[in-house]
Amino acid sequence: MKPVSIRDLNTAAPVTDSHAGECATYRLAPSYRDTVTLDGKSNPAISRKVYYPRVKKLPDGSYFLVHMDMRLGGSIYASHSADLRHFTPRVALLAGHDVLRDGEEDRFVYATPDAAVLPNGDLLVVCQWRYSKGYSKDAKNCGLMTLRSHDGGKTFEKEKVVYVGRCWEPYMLVLSSGEVQIYFSHTAPKFYEDPSLLADSLIKTSSGSALIRSFDNGETWMPDVKDAPYAAHRVSQSYICTTSGGTKCFTDQMATAVELGNGDIAFSCESDCGDYRFRVTAAVSHDNWARPLGIDEAGPADKMFAFTKGAGPYIAHFPSGETLLSFNCEGRQTILYGDEHGKNYRVDEPLTTFGGRWGYWGSLTVDTPHCVIAAYPNIRELRGADNKLLYIDNDLMLARLYLNHRIDACELTPDFVGNTDALFVGAASQAQCAIRAAHDRDRFYLRVDRLDRYLTAGDGIELKLRIGRKVYTLGANLGGKVKIKPDVFAVFINVASYSFHFLVASGTKCFIPGSREYNNTNVTPFPADIYGIQHFEICLRAESVVNFLTINGDFSYPFEEFKSNVFVFFDCTPFSF
């Protein structure tokens, strides 16, 4: 059997909410081989000034990267890639430039881009535009504009203004109905009332999140907001304080959203709680934001306000039901696991990407039904004694993270043909493996495919099997050494030069997951929930692997807690991709 990469597995068509009710146990496994750092020196196609990176998958399977080049906006750049390693030379979609505004010298800049593939196949980019000096003087000196491409981002039509009013951070969502939504930080209405009223606000301003909608692939938008009072369709506002002048101030900004399997919309935003205390807020709309919030109305009703520390959130959703929420927490990209309802984020199980390197304003992109792409800038700042910023540089970090959730055991076929549901291990080094399950009338089988560029005779596999409170160890290596302890019933081991086979008879039906950090190389165990130890002696049909989670580590650290009636195929060879 030739080893198979995880990239070539999990190819079955997704079933909407297939893992609903099971979202308390899934994990993401980062791929060491698919984690790269792109810097301006080694990758001249990528700017050394990469802020706010957004990666979008195009219909042909390639990727479109859009970002800005200054921390608070300047120009918008785009590049293409076929593999997320090599990018075309960046192209300025919109270049900041000097202008005269009302007879005063100013600079026209662009910031916080996002993009989406529309139902008609067009690629639409959206960003904020503003006059640098005029922004703080009049709400009309800021807004949103879009750029359209009919050829996947190779060429673009002239930009079009779709909203006027003080705003930030647009985000685009395409619903299954074909409706296109642009969410954004909505600061104009309160600012328009009287900017001076906010001088003593705890948060120095007042924001919320609003949207505009299009039902014709982004040609027209509603509401069509081009003048005072600059009010779009408000969707989320959280009350913070009232100024001495009586103005109510709200927060909720930097919104992102996804459509769930049941048609609800899961929403996330950043909440400024005052004194630069930023928190992450999540909400759900059950009616596609049917009614806009009033200017002094808090909402929506189904909201988890400021439930965890963080800023710059970004939400993603797998077709099988799992919802992911990323944000920067103390400069590190952090991911929380949520459920099919866009709720119940596991704040006690955060996943930190890219080794915790410092940055902000990252993003997530669902690549396949079992893989998400994380993008995050590694930002380096040099400040003087007065904390004045002297120098800034950054690199762009990209990674693929694979979804590990319950997999079902298919009927056994020769060489596992047609069986692609797999789990993944491979975060700590280039060595990685994919795990698949099958069954016949009597036994439950596991196939383990190992890819390793440096395979040696001493490499092997060690499994720990927990039955009740007892843990059994099975191991073998390419040199033929076999380890079994303590006594295990009905074990068959055949060691060949490139494969291992383990058989343990039982009547089990599933795996139960465990989780560990991936920064060490210990072998760890999987909990087994079986009918009893006596089932080792009775060969019953095994049907599935349930809630199985692998360990994020090298193959020397592959398994914790696993089920009985197991036949393991371990195929390993030097292999690069």
Protein backbone atom coordinates (compact mmCIF):
# COMPACT_ATOMS: atom_id res chain seq x y z
CA MET A 1 0.00 0.00 0.00
CA LYS A 2 1.33 3.45 -0.95
CA PRO A 3 1.01 6.10 1.76
CA VAL A 4 -1.71 8.66 1.13
CA SER A 5 -1.54 12.34 2.11
CA ILE A 6 -4.27 13.98 4.17
CA ARG A 7 -4.70 16.38 1.25
CA ASP A 8 -6.06 13.49 -0.81
CA LEU A 9 -8.49 12.29 1.86
CA ASN A 10 -11.81 13.50 3.28
CA THR A 11 -13.13 13.87 -0.25
CA ALA A 12 -16.70 12.71 0.33
CA ALA A 13 -19.38 15.33 -0.30
CA PRO A 14 -20.19 17.08 2.98
CA VAL A 15 -23.54 16.53 4.66
CA THR A 16 -24.94 19.66 6.30
CA ASP A 17 -24.76 19.47 10.10
CA SER A 18 -23.63 15.84 9.94
CA HIS A 19 -21.86 16.31 13.28
CA ALA A 20 -24.50 18.40 15.03
CA GLY A 21 -24.64 17.52 18.69
CA GLU A 22 -21.01 16.33 18.63
CA CYS A 23 -19.23 19.68 18.61
CA ALA A 24 -17.99 19.40 22.17
CA THR A 25 -15.16 17.10 21.14
CA TYR A 26 -13.72 18.06 17.75
CA ARG A 27 -10.27 19.62 17.37
CA LEU A 28 -8.10 21.25 14.72
CA ALA A 29 -4.72 19.73 13.90
CA PRO A 30 -2.27 22.20 12.34
CA SER A 31 -0.09 20.83 9.56
CA TYR A 32 3.61 21.49 10.07
CA ARG A 33 4.25 20.95 6.36
CA ASP A 34 1.52 23.43 5.43
CA THR A 35 2.70 26.24 7.71
CA VAL A 36 4.79 28.92 6.01
CA THR A 37 6.17 32.36 6.75
CA LEU A 38 6.39 34.74 3.79
CA ASP A 39 8.68 37.72 4.18
CA GLY A 40 9.68 40.48 1.79
CA LYS A 41 13.26 39.24 1.49
CA SER A 42 12.67 35.59 0.61
CA ASN A 43 9.30 36.23 -1.03
CA PRO A 44 9.60 39.51 -2.95
CA ALA A 45 6.12 39.01 -4.37
CA ILE A 46 4.73 39.71 -0.89
CA SER A 47 5.02 43.11 0.70
CA ARG A 48 6.99 43.31 3.92
CA LYS A 49 4.16 45.50 5.09
CA VAL A 50 1.24 43.08 5.24
CA TYR A 51 -1.68 44.10 7.42
CA TYR A 52 -5.19 42.75 7.54
CA PRO A 53 -4.57 39.69 5.30
CA ARG A 54 -7.64 38.00 3.80
CA VAL A 55 -7.31 34.78 1.78
CA LYS A 56 -10.16 33.71 -0.50
CA LYS A 57 -10.46 30.48 -2.45
CA LEU A 58 -11.43 30.94 -6.08
CA PRO A 59 -13.63 28.60 -8.13
CA ASP A 60 -10.59 27.15 -9.95
CA GLY A 61 -9.01 26.08 -6.63
CA SER A 62 -6.41 28.85 -6.52
CA TYR A 63 -6.19 31.53 -3.84
CA PHE A 64 -6.59 35.30 -3.82
CA LEU A 65 -4.80 37.33 -1.15
CA VAL A 66 -5.82 40.91 -0.40
CA HIS A 67 -4.29 43.15 2.28
CA MET A 68 -3.32 46.72 3.14
CA ASP A 69 0.22 48.01 3.51
CA MET A 70 -0.06 50.40 6.46
CA ARG A 71 -1.30 49.81 9.98
CA LEU A 72 -4.13 52.33 9.61
CA GLY A 73 -4.54 52.15 5.87
CA GLY A 74 -2.75 53.35 2.80
CA SER A 75 -2.98 51.18 -0.32
CA ILE A 76 -4.74 47.89 -1.06
CA TYR A 77 -2.72 45.08 -2.65
CA ALA A 78 -3.61 41.69 -4.11
CA SER A 79 -1.73 38.55 -5.17
CA HIS A 80 -2.59 35.05 -6.39
CA SER A 81 -1.28 31.63 -5.42
CA ALA A 82 -1.87 28.03 -6.45
CA ASP A 83 -0.38 26.49 -3.32
CA LEU A 84 -0.24 29.18 -0.58
CA ARG A 85 3.55 29.11 -0.84
CA HIS A 86 4.30 30.93 -4.06
CA PHE A 87 2.50 34.15 -4.91
CA THR A 88 2.36 36.34 -7.97
CA PRO A 89 3.91 39.82 -7.63
CA ARG A 90 1.55 41.97 -5.64
CA VAL A 91 -0.55 44.50 -7.53
CA ALA A 92 -1.91 47.74 -6.10
CA LEU A 93 -5.68 47.59 -6.53
CA LEU A 94 -6.11 51.00 -4.92
CA ALA A 95 -3.17 53.30 -4.22
CA GLY A 96 -3.21 56.02 -1.57
CA HIS A 97 -2.56 59.47 -3.02
CA ASP A 98 -2.36 63.14 -2.12
CA VAL A 99 -5.42 65.29 -2.85
CA LEU A 100 -6.92 68.70 -2.26
CA ARG A 101 -10.05 68.55 -0.10
CA ASP A 102 -12.03 71.76 0.20
CA GLY A 103 -8.85 73.65 -0.67
CA GLU A 104 -6.84 71.86 2.03
CA GLU A 105 -4.03 69.38 1.37
CA ASP A 106 -5.04 65.88 2.42
CA ARG A 107 -4.35 62.25 1.58
CA PHE A 108 -6.91 59.81 0.21
CA VAL A 109 -6.28 56.32 1.65
CA TYR A 110 -7.78 52.84 1.61
CA ALA A 111 -8.02 50.33 4.46
CA THR A 112 -9.35 47.02 5.83
CA PRO A 113 -10.15 45.08 2.64
CA ASP A 114 -12.23 41.95 2.27
CA ALA A 115 -13.41 39.92 -0.72
CA ALA A 116 -15.93 37.27 -1.75
CA VAL A 117 -16.83 35.18 -4.77
CA LEU A 118 -20.36 36.09 -5.83
CA PRO A 119 -23.08 33.70 -7.00
CA ASN A 120 -22.44 34.73 -10.63
CA GLY A 121 -18.72 33.90 -10.30
CA ASP A 122 -17.47 37.48 -10.07
CA LEU A 123 -14.89 38.39 -7.42
CA LEU A 124 -15.85 41.44 -5.39
CA VAL A 125 -13.41 43.35 -3.17
CA VAL A 126 -14.65 45.84 -0.57
CA CYS A 127 -12.63 48.29 1.52
CA GLN A 128 -12.91 51.52 3.48
CA TRP A 129 -11.92 54.81 1.84
CA ARG A 130 -11.33 58.09 3.67
CA TYR A 131 -9.60 61.44 3.73
CA SER A 132 -6.88 61.15 6.37
CA LYS A 133 -7.43 64.63 7.81
CA GLY A 134 -11.04 65.10 6.80
CA TYR A 135 -12.14 61.83 8.41
CA SER A 136 -12.33 63.40 11.88
CA LYS A 137 -14.09 66.54 10.64
CA ASP A 138 -17.11 65.34 8.69
CA ALA A 139 -18.84 61.97 8.30
CA LYS A 140 -19.04 62.46 4.54
CA ASN A 141 -15.26 62.11 4.26
CA CYS A 142 -15.33 58.32 4.62
CA GLY A 143 -17.18 55.32 3.28
CA LEU A 144 -17.00 51.95 1.54
CA MET A 145 -16.20 51.09 -2.05
CA THR A 146 -16.12 47.89 -4.10
CA LEU A 147 -14.08 46.63 -7.03
CA ARG A 148 -15.37 43.90 -9.35
CA SER A 149 -13.44 41.31 -11.33
CA HIS A 150 -14.87 38.98 -13.96
CA ASP A 151 -11.68 36.92 -14.30
CA GLY A 152 -10.78 35.85 -10.77
CA GLY A 153 -8.91 38.99 -9.79
CA LYS A 154 -6.64 39.36 -12.82
CA THR A 155 -8.34 42.62 -13.86
CA PHE A 156 -10.84 44.88 -12.12
CA GLU A 157 -13.46 47.39 -13.13
CA LYS A 158 -13.36 50.92 -11.77
CA GLU A 159 -14.17 51.18 -8.07
CA LYS A 160 -17.71 52.06 -6.97
CA VAL A 161 -18.77 53.83 -3.75
CA VAL A 162 -21.47 51.77 -2.00
CA TYR A 163 -21.73 53.60 1.34
CA VAL A 164 -20.88 57.07 2.63
CA GLY A 165 -20.34 57.67 6.33
CA ARG A 166 -17.72 57.22 8.98
CA CYS A 167 -16.97 53.48 9.16
CA TRP A 168 -14.31 50.79 9.42
CA GLU A 169 -13.65 47.10 8.72
CA PRO A 170 -16.09 45.86 6.07
CA TYR A 171 -16.72 42.12 5.81
CA MET A 172 -18.59 40.38 3.02
CA LEU A 173 -20.93 37.38 3.41
CA VAL A 174 -22.70 35.55 0.57
CA LEU A 175 -25.81 33.66 1.68
CA SER A 176 -27.07 30.44 0.10
CA SER A 177 -30.06 32.44 -1.19
CA GLY A 178 -27.72 34.60 -3.29
CA GLU A 179 -28.02 37.64 -1.05
CA VAL A 180 -24.73 39.46 -0.54
CA GLN A 181 -24.13 41.32 2.73
CA ILE A 182 -21.45 43.80 3.75
CA TYR A 183 -21.04 44.17 7.52
CA PHE A 184 -18.98 47.05 8.91
CA SER A 185 -18.16 49.11 11.99
CA HIS A 186 -20.89 51.76 12.02
CA THR A 187 -19.67 54.96 13.66
CA ALA A 188 -21.22 57.67 11.46
CA PRO A 189 -24.72 58.25 12.96
CA LYS A 190 -23.58 59.22 16.45
CA PHE A 191 -20.66 61.18 15.05
CA TYR A 192 -23.07 63.04 12.79
CA GLU A 193 -25.30 64.00 15.75
CA ASP A 194 -22.52 65.98 17.42
CA PRO A 195 -18.91 64.82 17.66
CA SER A 196 -18.26 67.06 20.69
CA LEU A 197 -20.81 65.14 22.77
CA LEU A 198 -18.48 62.14 22.77
CA ALA A 199 -15.46 63.95 24.16
CA ASP A 200 -15.94 62.50 27.64
CA SER A 201 -17.11 59.06 26.50
CA LEU A 202 -15.51 56.08 28.19
CA ILE A 203 -14.71 54.71 24.72
CA LYS A 204 -14.02 58.11 23.04
CA THR A 205 -16.59 57.39 20.34
CA SER A 206 -19.70 55.32 19.71
CA SER A 207 -19.89 52.40 17.32
CA GLY A 208 -21.99 49.41 16.47
CA SER A 209 -22.19 46.98 13.59
CA ALA A 210 -24.44 47.45 10.58
CA LEU A 211 -24.89 45.99 7.12
CA ILE A 212 -26.01 46.78 3.60
CA ARG A 213 -27.48 44.12 1.30
CA SER A 214 -27.44 43.34 -2.39
CA PHE A 215 -29.77 41.03 -4.29
CA ASP A 216 -28.17 41.52 -7.71
CA ASN A 217 -24.57 40.35 -7.21
CA GLY A 218 -23.38 43.62 -5.73
CA GLU A 219 -24.63 45.96 -8.43
CA THR A 220 -26.96 47.86 -6.07
CA TRP A 221 -27.20 48.00 -2.28
CA MET A 222 -29.89 48.66 0.29
CA PRO A 223 -30.16 50.77 2.20
CA ASP A 224 -28.48 53.12 -0.27
CA VAL A 225 -26.69 55.42 2.16
CA LYS A 226 -24.87 58.37 0.63
CA ASP A 227 -25.75 61.27 2.95
CA ALA A 228 -26.88 62.25 6.47
CA PRO A 229 -27.76 60.70 8.87
CA TYR A 230 -25.53 57.96 7.34
CA ALA A 231 -27.56 55.17 8.95
CA ALA A 232 -27.25 51.64 7.58
CA HIS A 233 -29.12 48.56 8.84
CA ARG A 234 -27.94 48.23 12.46
CA VAL A 235 -27.49 44.63 13.63
CA SER A 236 -25.47 44.75 16.86
CA GLN A 237 -24.94 47.41 19.54
CA SER A 238 -23.90 47.02 23.18
CA TYR A 239 -24.45 49.92 25.57
CA ILE A 240 -21.32 51.20 27.32
CA CYS A 241 -21.95 54.61 28.84
CA THR A 242 -23.74 57.96 28.63
CA THR A 243 -21.76 61.19 28.21
CA SER A 244 -22.25 64.26 30.35
CA GLY A 245 -24.18 65.71 27.45
CA GLY A 246 -26.65 62.83 27.52
CA THR A 247 -25.42 60.92 24.46
CA LYS A 248 -25.64 57.14 24.79
CA CYS A 249 -22.51 55.41 23.57
CA PHE A 250 -22.39 51.89 22.20
CA THR A 251 -19.77 49.41 21.04
CA ASP A 252 -19.57 46.35 18.74
CA GLN A 253 -17.24 46.70 15.79
CA MET A 254 -15.12 44.70 13.35
CA ALA A 255 -17.97 42.33 12.54
CA THR A 256 -17.78 38.98 10.73
CA ALA A 257 -20.58 36.49 10.10
CA VAL A 258 -21.33 33.05 8.64
CA GLU A 259 -24.50 31.28 7.58
CA LEU A 260 -25.23 28.14 9.60
CA GLY A 261 -26.73 24.91 8.38
CA ASN A 262 -30.18 25.80 9.70
CA GLY A 263 -30.18 29.21 7.97
CA ASP A 264 -29.32 31.24 11.08
CA ILE A 265 -26.45 33.73 10.91
CA ALA A 266 -23.67 33.43 13.48
CA PHE A 267 -22.01 36.76 14.16
CA SER A 268 -18.91 37.94 15.98
CA CYS A 269 -17.47 41.35 16.74
CA GLU A 270 -15.01 43.20 18.91
CA SER A 271 -16.40 45.13 21.89
CA ASP A 272 -14.54 48.10 23.37
CA CYS A 273 -15.34 48.04 27.07
CA GLY A 274 -13.36 51.21 27.79
CA ASP A 275 -9.77 51.97 28.71
CA TYR A 276 -8.63 49.78 25.79
CA ARG A 277 -10.19 46.68 27.34
CA PHE A 278 -11.23 44.77 24.23
CA ARG A 279 -13.46 41.73 24.40
CA VAL A 280 -15.03 39.37 21.88
CA THR A 281 -18.81 39.28 21.48
CA ALA A 282 -20.84 36.63 19.64
CA ALA A 283 -24.47 36.71 18.54
CA VAL A 284 -26.94 34.80 16.39
CA SER A 285 -29.69 36.10 14.12
CA HIS A 286 -32.61 33.74 13.56
CA ASP A 287 -34.36 35.91 10.96
CA ASN A 288 -31.54 37.38 8.85
CA TRP A 289 -31.63 40.66 10.76
CA ALA A 290 -35.22 41.33 9.73
CA ARG A 291 -35.48 44.53 11.78
CA PRO A 292 -32.74 47.15 12.19
CA LEU A 293 -31.89 48.32 15.69
CA GLY A 294 -32.77 51.86 16.65
CA ILE A 295 -30.01 54.39 17.15
CA ASP A 296 -30.17 53.97 20.96
CA GLU A 297 -31.26 50.31 21.01
CA ALA A 298 -29.03 47.52 22.29
CA GLY A 299 -29.22 44.13 20.59
CA PRO A 300 -29.63 41.58 19.21
CA ALA A 301 -31.40 39.53 21.84
CA ASP A 302 -29.38 36.35 21.27
CA LYS A 303 -25.97 37.70 22.21
CA MET A 304 -22.97 36.68 24.34
CA PHE A 305 -21.48 40.06 25.16
CA ALA A 306 -17.76 40.34 25.90
CA PHE A 307 -17.49 36.67 26.82
CA THR A 308 -13.74 36.39 26.34
CA LYS A 309 -10.69 38.66 26.16
CA GLY A 310 -9.56 39.47 22.63
CA ALA A 311 -9.81 41.75 19.60
CA GLY A 312 -10.16 41.53 15.82
CA PRO A 313 -12.39 38.43 15.65
CA TYR A 314 -12.99 36.33 12.57
CA ILE A 315 -15.56 33.55 12.27
CA ALA A 316 -15.61 30.41 10.09
CA HIS A 317 -17.98 27.46 9.76
CA PHE A 318 -17.59 23.89 8.47
CA PRO A 319 -20.51 22.29 6.59
CA SER A 320 -20.55 19.46 9.15
CA GLY A 321 -21.58 21.94 11.84
CA GLU A 322 -18.44 23.12 13.62
CA THR A 323 -17.98 26.88 14.09
CA LEU A 324 -14.57 28.48 14.66
CA LEU A 325 -13.88 31.88 16.17
CA SER A 326 -10.42 33.40 15.90
CA PHE A 327 -9.08 36.64 17.39
CA ASN A 328 -5.87 38.15 18.64
CA CYS A 329 -5.34 37.78 22.36
CA GLU A 330 -2.26 39.47 23.75
CA GLY A 331 -0.92 39.51 20.19
CA ARG A 332 -1.38 35.79 19.52
CA GLN A 333 -3.87 34.36 17.05
CA THR A 334 -6.27 32.32 19.13
CA ILE A 335 -9.01 29.99 17.91
CA LEU A 336 -12.04 28.84 19.92
CA TYR A 337 -14.15 25.82 19.06
CA GLY A 338 -17.90 26.41 18.77
CA ASP A 339 -20.93 24.37 17.79
CA GLU A 340 -23.46 24.12 14.97
CA HIS A 341 -25.51 26.95 16.56
CA GLY A 342 -22.62 29.42 16.56
CA LYS A 343 -22.52 29.17 20.35
CA ASN A 344 -20.87 27.32 23.25
CA TYR A 345 -17.36 28.41 22.37
CA ARG A 346 -14.91 26.41 24.46
CA VAL A 347 -13.03 29.27 26.12
CA ASP A 348 -11.11 26.81 28.31
CA GLU A 349 -9.61 25.03 25.24
CA PRO A 350 -8.07 27.77 23.09
CA LEU A 351 -5.81 26.85 20.19
CA THR A 352 -2.87 29.20 19.60
CA THR A 353 -1.48 29.22 16.06
CA PHE A 354 2.00 29.96 14.67
CA GLY A 355 3.78 29.28 17.92
CA GLY A 356 2.19 32.31 19.52
CA ARG A 357 4.12 34.82 17.38
CA TRP A 358 2.93 38.39 17.85
CA GLY A 359 0.58 40.17 15.47
CA TYR A 360 -3.03 41.18 14.97
CA TRP A 361 -5.95 41.24 12.50
CA GLY A 362 -5.77 37.70 11.18
CA SER A 363 -8.40 35.69 9.34
CA LEU A 364 -9.77 32.19 8.71
CA THR A 365 -10.86 30.72 5.38
CA VAL A 366 -12.57 27.35 4.95
CA ASP A 367 -10.51 25.61 2.27
CA THR A 368 -12.27 22.23 2.15
CA PRO A 369 -14.99 20.66 4.33
CA HIS A 370 -12.17 19.40 6.59
CA CYS A 371 -9.55 22.14 6.33
CA VAL A 372 -9.30 25.81 7.28
CA ILE A 373 -6.59 28.31 6.29
CA ALA A 374 -5.27 30.65 8.98
CA ALA A 375 -3.60 33.92 7.96
CA TYR A 376 -1.79 36.13 10.46
CA PRO A 377 0.89 38.84 10.20
CA ASN A 378 3.96 38.47 12.40
CA ILE A 379 4.49 42.12 13.33
CA ARG A 380 7.72 43.53 14.73
CA GLU A 381 7.74 47.06 16.14
CA LEU A 382 10.68 49.13 17.33
CA ARG A 383 9.83 51.99 19.69
CA GLY A 384 11.91 54.69 21.26
CA ALA A 385 12.18 55.69 24.91
CA ASP A 386 9.04 57.83 24.58
CA ASN A 387 7.20 54.82 23.06
CA LYS A 388 7.22 56.58 19.70
CA LEU A 389 7.08 54.09 16.84
CA LEU A 390 10.44 54.18 15.03
CA TYR A 391 10.27 51.16 12.77
CA ILE A 392 7.80 48.44 11.88
CA ASP A 393 8.13 45.31 9.78
CA ASN A 394 6.14 42.13 9.40
CA ASP A 395 5.85 38.79 7.67
CA LEU A 396 2.76 36.94 6.51
CA MET A 397 2.14 33.58 8.17
CA LEU A 398 -0.15 31.00 6.56
CA ALA A 399 -1.21 27.56 7.77
CA ARG A 400 -3.63 24.77 7.00
CA LEU A 401 -5.42 23.25 9.98
CA TYR A 402 -7.34 19.99 9.56
CA LEU A 403 -10.62 19.15 11.22
CA ASN A 404 -10.58 16.04 13.41
CA HIS A 405 -14.05 14.87 14.34
CA ARG A 406 -15.96 11.60 14.40
CA ILE A 407 -15.27 9.38 11.43
CA ASP A 408 -17.34 6.34 10.50
CA ALA A 409 -15.88 2.96 9.68
CA CYS A 410 -16.79 1.87 6.16
CA GLU A 411 -17.11 -1.70 4.92
CA LEU A 412 -13.57 -2.98 4.41
CA THR A 413 -12.34 -2.78 0.79
CA PRO A 414 -8.97 -3.79 -0.71
CA ASP A 415 -6.42 -1.08 0.02
CA PHE A 416 -9.23 1.01 1.59
CA VAL A 417 -10.43 2.02 -1.88
CA GLY A 418 -13.31 4.47 -1.61
CA ASN A 419 -12.70 5.05 2.11
CA THR A 420 -11.42 8.61 2.49
CA ASP A 421 -12.74 9.75 5.90
CA ALA A 422 -9.58 10.42 7.87
CA LEU A 423 -8.07 11.94 10.98
CA PHE A 424 -4.79 13.81 10.94
CA VAL A 425 -1.64 14.03 13.09
CA GLY A 426 1.26 16.23 12.08
CA ALA A 427 1.76 19.54 13.85
CA ALA A 428 5.15 19.20 15.52
CA SER A 429 7.39 18.12 12.63
CA GLN A 430 7.38 17.17 8.97
CA ALA A 431 6.42 13.58 9.89
CA GLN A 432 2.65 13.21 9.73
CA CYS A 433 -0.01 10.57 9.42
CA ALA A 434 -3.60 10.08 8.33
CA ILE A 435 -5.86 7.57 10.06
CA ARG A 436 -8.81 5.76 8.49
CA ALA A 437 -11.23 3.13 9.80
CA ALA A 438 -13.09 0.17 8.31
CA HIS A 439 -14.87 -3.01 9.41
CA ASP A 440 -15.92 -6.40 8.16
CA ARG A 441 -18.21 -8.94 9.79
CA ASP A 442 -15.84 -9.67 12.64
CA ARG A 443 -13.26 -6.98 13.05
CA PHE A 444 -12.59 -3.28 13.16
CA TYR A 445 -9.64 -2.00 11.10
CA LEU A 446 -7.46 1.09 11.21
CA ARG A 447 -5.14 2.18 8.45
CA VAL A 448 -2.38 4.61 9.36
CA ASP A 449 -0.52 6.33 6.50
CA ARG A 450 2.74 7.95 7.55
CA LEU A 451 4.59 10.52 5.42
CA ASP A 452 8.13 11.03 6.62
CA ARG A 453 11.07 12.43 4.67
CA TYR A 454 13.55 10.90 7.10
CA LEU A 455 12.23 7.42 7.91
CA THR A 456 14.76 5.19 9.70
CA ALA A 457 14.79 1.60 10.91
CA GLY A 458 14.18 2.75 14.46
CA ASP A 459 10.94 4.55 13.63
CA GLY A 460 7.73 2.86 14.70
CA ILE A 461 4.35 3.17 16.23
CA GLU A 462 3.12 2.82 19.77
CA LEU A 463 -0.53 2.68 20.70
CA LYS A 464 -2.01 2.90 24.15
CA LEU A 465 -5.36 1.22 24.63
CA ARG A 466 -7.39 2.07 27.70
CA ILE A 467 -10.06 -0.35 28.82
CA GLY A 468 -11.80 0.95 31.89
CA ARG A 469 -8.93 1.88 34.19
CA LYS A 470 -6.37 -0.38 32.54
CA VAL A 471 -3.98 0.82 29.84
CA TYR A 472 -2.43 -1.60 27.37
CA THR A 473 0.51 -0.77 25.13
CA LEU A 474 1.06 -2.17 21.64
CA GLY A 475 4.12 -1.20 19.67
CA ALA A 476 6.34 -2.19 16.81
CA ASN A 477 9.06 -0.63 14.64
CA LEU A 478 10.60 -1.20 11.25
CA GLY A 479 13.41 -3.18 12.79
CA GLY A 480 10.95 -5.87 13.86
CA LYS A 481 10.87 -5.11 17.58
CA VAL A 482 7.46 -5.79 19.10
CA LYS A 483 6.21 -4.56 22.44
CA ILE A 484 3.04 -5.76 24.18
CA LYS A 485 2.30 -5.02 27.81
CA PRO A 486 0.59 -6.04 29.97
CA ASP A 487 -1.47 -9.03 28.77
CA VAL A 488 -3.76 -8.29 25.85
CA PHE A 489 -6.25 -10.75 24.47
CA ALA A 490 -6.18 -11.98 20.86
CA VAL A 491 -3.34 -9.88 19.52
CA PHE A 492 -1.79 -10.52 16.11
CA ILE A 493 1.22 -8.55 14.97
CA ASN A 494 2.94 -8.82 11.63
CA VAL A 495 5.95 -6.59 11.08
CA ALA A 496 7.18 -5.91 7.56
CA SER A 497 9.73 -3.47 6.23
CA TYR A 498 7.24 -0.71 5.64
CA SER A 499 4.09 -1.75 7.41
CA PHE A 500 2.74 -2.74 10.77
CA HIS A 501 -0.41 -4.71 11.46
CA PHE A 502 -2.13 -4.88 14.84
CA LEU A 503 -5.25 -6.86 15.57
CA VAL A 504 -7.19 -6.74 18.83
CA ALA A 505 -10.50 -8.56 18.87
CA SER A 506 -13.43 -6.81 20.51
CA GLY A 507 -16.94 -5.52 20.02
CA THR A 508 -16.30 -1.84 20.05
CA LYS A 509 -18.04 0.68 17.81
CA CYS A 510 -16.28 3.95 18.39
CA PHE A 511 -13.38 6.11 19.54
CA ILE A 512 -13.71 8.75 22.26
CA PRO A 513 -11.31 11.70 21.94
CA GLY A 514 -8.70 13.11 24.19
CA SER A 515 -6.63 16.24 23.78
CA ARG A 516 -3.05 17.18 24.51
CA GLU A 517 -0.60 19.92 23.68
CA TYR A 518 1.66 19.21 20.74
CA ASN A 519 4.89 20.59 22.11
CA ASN A 520 6.37 17.29 23.27
CA THR A 521 6.88 13.81 21.87
CA ASN A 522 5.38 11.53 24.49
CA VAL A 523 3.09 8.73 23.47
CA THR A 524 -0.39 9.33 24.88
CA PRO A 525 -3.61 7.23 25.17
CA PHE A 526 -7.31 7.33 23.73
CA PRO A 527 -10.28 6.65 26.14
CA ALA A 528 -12.29 3.66 25.12
CA ASP A 529 -15.93 3.38 25.96
CA ILE A 530 -16.62 -0.33 25.45
CA TYR A 531 -19.12 -2.89 26.64
CA GLY A 532 -16.60 -4.57 28.93
CA ILE A 533 -13.22 -6.30 29.06
CA GLN A 534 -14.90 -9.58 28.16
CA HIS A 535 -15.49 -8.23 24.71
CA PHE A 536 -11.81 -8.72 24.03
CA GLU A 537 -12.65 -12.41 24.00
CA ILE A 538 -15.76 -12.10 21.84
CA CYS A 539 -15.44 -10.93 18.24
CA LEU A 540 -18.35 -8.61 17.42
CA ARG A 541 -18.91 -6.27 14.51
CA ALA A 542 -17.45 -2.79 14.91
CA GLU A 543 -19.20 -0.02 13.07
CA SER A 544 -17.69 3.39 13.55
CA VAL A 545 -15.13 5.70 15.06
CA VAL A 546 -16.91 8.31 17.17
CA ASN A 547 -15.49 11.56 18.47
CA PHE A 548 -11.94 10.46 17.84
CA LEU A 549 -9.31 13.12 18.14
CA THR A 550 -5.68 12.71 17.34
CA ILE A 551 -2.80 14.39 19.04
CA ASN A 552 -1.27 17.46 17.41
CA GLY A 553 2.25 16.18 17.20
CA ASP A 554 4.84 14.12 15.40
CA PHE A 555 4.00 10.54 14.58
CA SER A 556 6.07 9.49 17.57
CA TYR A 557 3.27 11.15 19.55
CA PRO A 558 0.25 9.93 17.64
CA PHE A 559 -2.37 8.30 19.79
CA GLU A 560 -4.26 8.62 23.03
CA GLU A 561 -7.00 6.45 24.21
CA PHE A 562 -8.31 4.19 21.60
CA LYS A 563 -10.86 1.48 20.99
CA SER A 564 -10.76 -2.24 20.80
CA ASN A 565 -11.32 -4.78 18.03
CA VAL A 566 -8.67 -2.93 16.08
CA PHE A 567 -6.67 -4.00 13.08
CA VAL A 568 -4.07 -1.34 12.25
CA PHE A 569 -2.31 -0.96 8.92
CA PHE A 570 0.73 1.22 9.39
CA ASP A 571 2.29 2.21 6.07
CA CYS A 572 5.26 4.53 6.10
CA THR A 573 7.85 5.56 3.61
CA PRO A 574 9.94 8.61 2.82
CA PHE A 575 7.55 10.88 0.99
CA SER A 576 7.52 14.56 0.15
CA PHE A 577 4.78 16.85 -1.16
